[in-house]
Amino acid sequence: RLGVQPNVFTYSSLMSGLVGVGDWAKAGELLVQMRDSKIVPDQIFFNSIISACARSNQLSRALEYYALMLETGLRPTAFVFHL
C-alpha cells in the first residue's frame, strides 16, 4: 500500500511466523506469492522454515522444504544438519 516492496527478509519473517503457529496453508500461499514476485528464497529463509517445522514436529514438511531448497540450487548449511 505504501509503495514498499517486500524482499526475501520480509517473506522470511512472515513465513517463519506462519509455520511457527502451524498455519501451513497460508505458508504455502506465501511461498507461491514469493515465487510469483520473482523473489528467490535464500539460505536464511530455508533455515528459518526448516527450524520452525522441526520445532513443530513437522518432519515431513521440513523434508519437503529441504528438497525445495536443493531444487533452488542452495546447499544446506551446518545449521540445517544440526536440526
N, C-alpha and C. Protein backbone atom coordinates (compact mmCIF):
# COMPACT_ATOMS: atom_id res chain seq x y z
N ARG A 1 0.80 -1.20 0.00
CA ARG A 1 0.00 0.00 0.00
C ARG A 1 0.84 1.26 0.00
N LEU A 2 1.96 1.20 0.68
CA LEU A 2 2.79 2.39 0.80
C LEU A 2 3.90 2.44 -0.24
N GLY A 3 3.85 1.54 -1.19
CA GLY A 3 4.86 1.52 -2.23
C GLY A 3 6.13 0.80 -1.84
N VAL A 4 6.15 0.17 -0.69
CA VAL A 4 7.31 -0.58 -0.25
C VAL A 4 7.16 -2.02 -0.72
N GLN A 5 8.14 -2.49 -1.45
CA GLN A 5 8.10 -3.85 -1.97
C GLN A 5 8.73 -4.82 -0.98
N PRO A 6 8.07 -5.94 -0.72
CA PRO A 6 8.68 -6.93 0.18
C PRO A 6 9.93 -7.53 -0.44
N ASN A 7 10.84 -7.95 0.40
CA ASN A 7 12.06 -8.60 -0.06
C ASN A 7 12.16 -9.97 0.61
N VAL A 8 13.26 -10.65 0.40
CA VAL A 8 13.41 -12.00 0.95
C VAL A 8 13.36 -11.98 2.48
N PHE A 9 13.86 -10.92 3.10
CA PHE A 9 13.80 -10.82 4.56
C PHE A 9 12.34 -10.70 5.03
N THR A 10 11.55 -9.91 4.33
CA THR A 10 10.14 -9.75 4.67
C THR A 10 9.42 -11.09 4.59
N TYR A 11 9.63 -11.79 3.48
CA TYR A 11 8.99 -13.09 3.31
C TYR A 11 9.48 -14.10 4.34
N SER A 12 10.77 -14.07 4.66
CA SER A 12 11.31 -14.99 5.66
C SER A 12 10.65 -14.78 7.01
N SER A 13 10.48 -13.54 7.39
CA SER A 13 9.85 -13.22 8.68
C SER A 13 8.40 -13.69 8.71
N LEU A 14 7.67 -13.39 7.65
CA LEU A 14 6.26 -13.80 7.58
C LEU A 14 6.13 -15.32 7.57
N MET A 15 6.96 -15.98 6.78
CA MET A 15 6.90 -17.43 6.69
C MET A 15 7.23 -18.09 8.02
N SER A 16 8.23 -17.58 8.69
CA SER A 16 8.61 -18.14 9.99
C SER A 16 7.45 -18.02 10.98
N GLY A 17 6.78 -16.88 10.97
CA GLY A 17 5.64 -16.70 11.85
C GLY A 17 4.50 -17.64 11.52
N LEU A 18 4.21 -17.81 10.24
CA LEU A 18 3.10 -18.68 9.82
C LEU A 18 3.36 -20.13 10.19
N VAL A 19 4.56 -20.62 9.90
CA VAL A 19 4.83 -22.02 10.24
C VAL A 19 4.96 -22.19 11.75
N GLY A 20 5.39 -21.14 12.43
CA GLY A 20 5.51 -21.19 13.88
C GLY A 20 4.17 -21.39 14.58
N VAL A 21 3.10 -20.87 13.97
CA VAL A 21 1.76 -21.05 14.56
C VAL A 21 0.99 -22.17 13.86
N GLY A 22 1.66 -22.86 12.94
CA GLY A 22 1.04 -24.01 12.28
C GLY A 22 0.06 -23.68 11.17
N ASP A 23 0.15 -22.48 10.61
CA ASP A 23 -0.74 -22.12 9.51
C ASP A 23 -0.09 -22.51 8.19
N TRP A 24 -0.09 -23.81 7.94
CA TRP A 24 0.62 -24.36 6.79
C TRP A 24 0.00 -23.94 5.47
N ALA A 25 -1.31 -23.77 5.45
CA ALA A 25 -1.99 -23.35 4.20
C ALA A 25 -1.53 -21.96 3.78
N LYS A 26 -1.52 -21.03 4.72
CA LYS A 26 -1.08 -19.67 4.38
C LYS A 26 0.41 -19.63 4.07
N ALA A 27 1.17 -20.49 4.73
CA ALA A 27 2.60 -20.55 4.44
C ALA A 27 2.83 -20.98 2.99
N GLY A 28 2.05 -21.97 2.54
CA GLY A 28 2.15 -22.40 1.15
C GLY A 28 1.76 -21.31 0.18
N GLU A 29 0.69 -20.58 0.51
CA GLU A 29 0.26 -19.46 -0.33
C GLU A 29 1.33 -18.38 -0.39
N LEU A 30 1.97 -18.13 0.75
CA LEU A 30 3.01 -17.11 0.80
C LEU A 30 4.20 -17.50 -0.07
N LEU A 31 4.54 -18.78 -0.05
CA LEU A 31 5.66 -19.24 -0.88
C LEU A 31 5.34 -19.06 -2.36
N VAL A 32 4.10 -19.34 -2.75
CA VAL A 32 3.69 -19.12 -4.14
C VAL A 32 3.76 -17.63 -4.49
N GLN A 33 3.28 -16.80 -3.59
CA GLN A 33 3.32 -15.35 -3.81
C GLN A 33 4.77 -14.87 -3.95
N MET A 34 5.64 -15.43 -3.12
CA MET A 34 7.05 -15.06 -3.17
C MET A 34 7.64 -15.41 -4.53
N ARG A 35 7.35 -16.61 -4.99
CA ARG A 35 7.86 -17.04 -6.30
C ARG A 35 7.28 -16.19 -7.43
N ASP A 36 5.98 -15.88 -7.33
CA ASP A 36 5.33 -15.05 -8.35
C ASP A 36 5.94 -13.66 -8.40
N SER A 37 6.44 -13.20 -7.26
CA SER A 37 7.07 -11.88 -7.18
C SER A 37 8.53 -11.92 -7.62
N LYS A 38 8.98 -13.10 -8.05
CA LYS A 38 10.36 -13.29 -8.52
C LYS A 38 11.39 -13.07 -7.41
N ILE A 39 10.98 -13.32 -6.17
CA ILE A 39 11.91 -13.23 -5.05
C ILE A 39 12.40 -14.64 -4.74
N VAL A 40 13.70 -14.81 -4.80
CA VAL A 40 14.31 -16.13 -4.63
C VAL A 40 14.63 -16.34 -3.15
N PRO A 41 14.13 -17.44 -2.58
CA PRO A 41 14.46 -17.74 -1.19
C PRO A 41 15.96 -17.95 -1.02
N ASP A 42 16.48 -17.53 0.12
CA ASP A 42 17.90 -17.74 0.40
C ASP A 42 18.05 -18.76 1.52
N GLN A 43 19.30 -18.99 1.94
CA GLN A 43 19.55 -19.99 2.99
C GLN A 43 18.91 -19.59 4.31
N ILE A 44 18.88 -18.32 4.62
CA ILE A 44 18.25 -17.88 5.87
C ILE A 44 16.76 -18.20 5.84
N PHE A 45 16.13 -17.97 4.70
CA PHE A 45 14.71 -18.30 4.53
C PHE A 45 14.48 -19.78 4.85
N PHE A 46 15.24 -20.64 4.19
CA PHE A 46 15.05 -22.07 4.39
C PHE A 46 15.44 -22.52 5.79
N ASN A 47 16.51 -21.95 6.35
CA ASN A 47 16.89 -22.30 7.72
C ASN A 47 15.75 -21.99 8.68
N SER A 48 15.13 -20.84 8.53
CA SER A 48 14.03 -20.43 9.41
C SER A 48 12.85 -21.38 9.28
N ILE A 49 12.50 -21.72 8.06
CA ILE A 49 11.34 -22.58 7.82
C ILE A 49 11.59 -23.99 8.31
N ILE A 50 12.73 -24.53 7.98
CA ILE A 50 13.05 -25.90 8.40
C ILE A 50 13.13 -25.98 9.91
N SER A 51 13.70 -24.98 10.54
CA SER A 51 13.77 -24.94 12.00
C SER A 51 12.39 -24.90 12.63
N ALA A 52 11.51 -24.07 12.10
CA ALA A 52 10.15 -23.97 12.63
C ALA A 52 9.41 -25.29 12.44
N CYS A 53 9.60 -25.94 11.31
CA CYS A 53 8.97 -27.24 11.09
C CYS A 53 9.47 -28.26 12.10
N ALA A 54 10.76 -28.27 12.33
CA ALA A 54 11.33 -29.23 13.28
C ALA A 54 10.80 -28.99 14.70
N ARG A 55 10.70 -27.72 15.10
CA ARG A 55 10.17 -27.40 16.44
C ARG A 55 8.71 -27.80 16.58
N SER A 56 7.99 -27.84 15.45
CA SER A 56 6.57 -28.19 15.47
C SER A 56 6.35 -29.68 15.20
N ASN A 57 7.42 -30.46 15.21
CA ASN A 57 7.35 -31.89 14.92
C ASN A 57 6.74 -32.17 13.54
N GLN A 58 6.97 -31.30 12.60
CA GLN A 58 6.50 -31.46 11.23
C GLN A 58 7.68 -31.90 10.36
N LEU A 59 8.20 -33.07 10.66
CA LEU A 59 9.42 -33.52 9.98
C LEU A 59 9.21 -33.75 8.49
N SER A 60 8.04 -34.24 8.10
CA SER A 60 7.81 -34.44 6.66
C SER A 60 7.80 -33.10 5.93
N ARG A 61 7.22 -32.09 6.56
CA ARG A 61 7.24 -30.75 5.94
C ARG A 61 8.67 -30.20 5.89
N ALA A 62 9.43 -30.43 6.95
CA ALA A 62 10.82 -29.98 6.96
C ALA A 62 11.58 -30.61 5.79
N LEU A 63 11.33 -31.88 5.54
CA LEU A 63 11.99 -32.56 4.43
C LEU A 63 11.53 -32.02 3.09
N GLU A 64 10.26 -31.62 2.98
CA GLU A 64 9.76 -31.01 1.75
C GLU A 64 10.48 -29.69 1.48
N TYR A 65 10.64 -28.87 2.52
CA TYR A 65 11.34 -27.60 2.35
C TYR A 65 12.82 -27.82 2.08
N TYR A 66 13.38 -28.87 2.67
CA TYR A 66 14.77 -29.22 2.40
C TYR A 66 14.94 -29.57 0.92
N ALA A 67 14.03 -30.37 0.39
CA ALA A 67 14.09 -30.74 -1.03
C ALA A 67 13.92 -29.51 -1.91
N LEU A 68 13.02 -28.62 -1.53
CA LEU A 68 12.82 -27.39 -2.29
C LEU A 68 14.08 -26.53 -2.26
N MET A 69 14.75 -26.51 -1.12
CA MET A 69 15.99 -25.75 -1.01
C MET A 69 17.02 -26.29 -2.00
N LEU A 70 17.12 -27.61 -2.08
CA LEU A 70 18.07 -28.21 -3.02
C LEU A 70 17.67 -27.91 -4.47
N GLU A 71 16.36 -27.94 -4.76
CA GLU A 71 15.88 -27.62 -6.10
C GLU A 71 16.22 -26.19 -6.49
N THR A 72 16.25 -25.31 -5.50
CA THR A 72 16.54 -23.90 -5.74
C THR A 72 18.04 -23.70 -6.03
N GLY A 73 18.83 -24.73 -5.76
CA GLY A 73 20.26 -24.65 -6.01
C GLY A 73 21.07 -24.29 -4.79
N LEU A 74 20.40 -24.20 -3.65
CA LEU A 74 21.09 -23.90 -2.41
C LEU A 74 21.56 -25.18 -1.75
N ARG A 75 22.64 -25.09 -1.06
CA ARG A 75 23.17 -26.24 -0.32
C ARG A 75 22.92 -26.01 1.15
N PRO A 76 22.66 -27.09 1.88
CA PRO A 76 22.39 -26.93 3.31
C PRO A 76 23.62 -26.45 4.06
N THR A 77 23.35 -25.71 5.10
CA THR A 77 24.42 -25.23 5.98
C THR A 77 24.50 -26.17 7.19
N ALA A 78 25.50 -25.96 8.00
CA ALA A 78 25.65 -26.76 9.22
C ALA A 78 24.42 -26.58 10.11
N PHE A 79 23.78 -25.41 10.04
CA PHE A 79 22.57 -25.16 10.84
C PHE A 79 21.47 -26.16 10.50
N VAL A 80 21.26 -26.42 9.24
CA VAL A 80 20.20 -27.34 8.82
C VAL A 80 20.50 -28.74 9.33
N PHE A 81 21.74 -29.17 9.24
CA PHE A 81 22.08 -30.52 9.68
C PHE A 81 22.06 -30.64 11.21
N HIS A 82 22.19 -29.54 11.89
CA HIS A 82 22.16 -29.55 13.35
C HIS A 82 20.74 -29.80 13.87
N LEU A 83 19.73 -29.47 13.07
CA LEU A 83 18.34 -29.64 13.50
C LEU A 83 18.04 -31.09 13.66
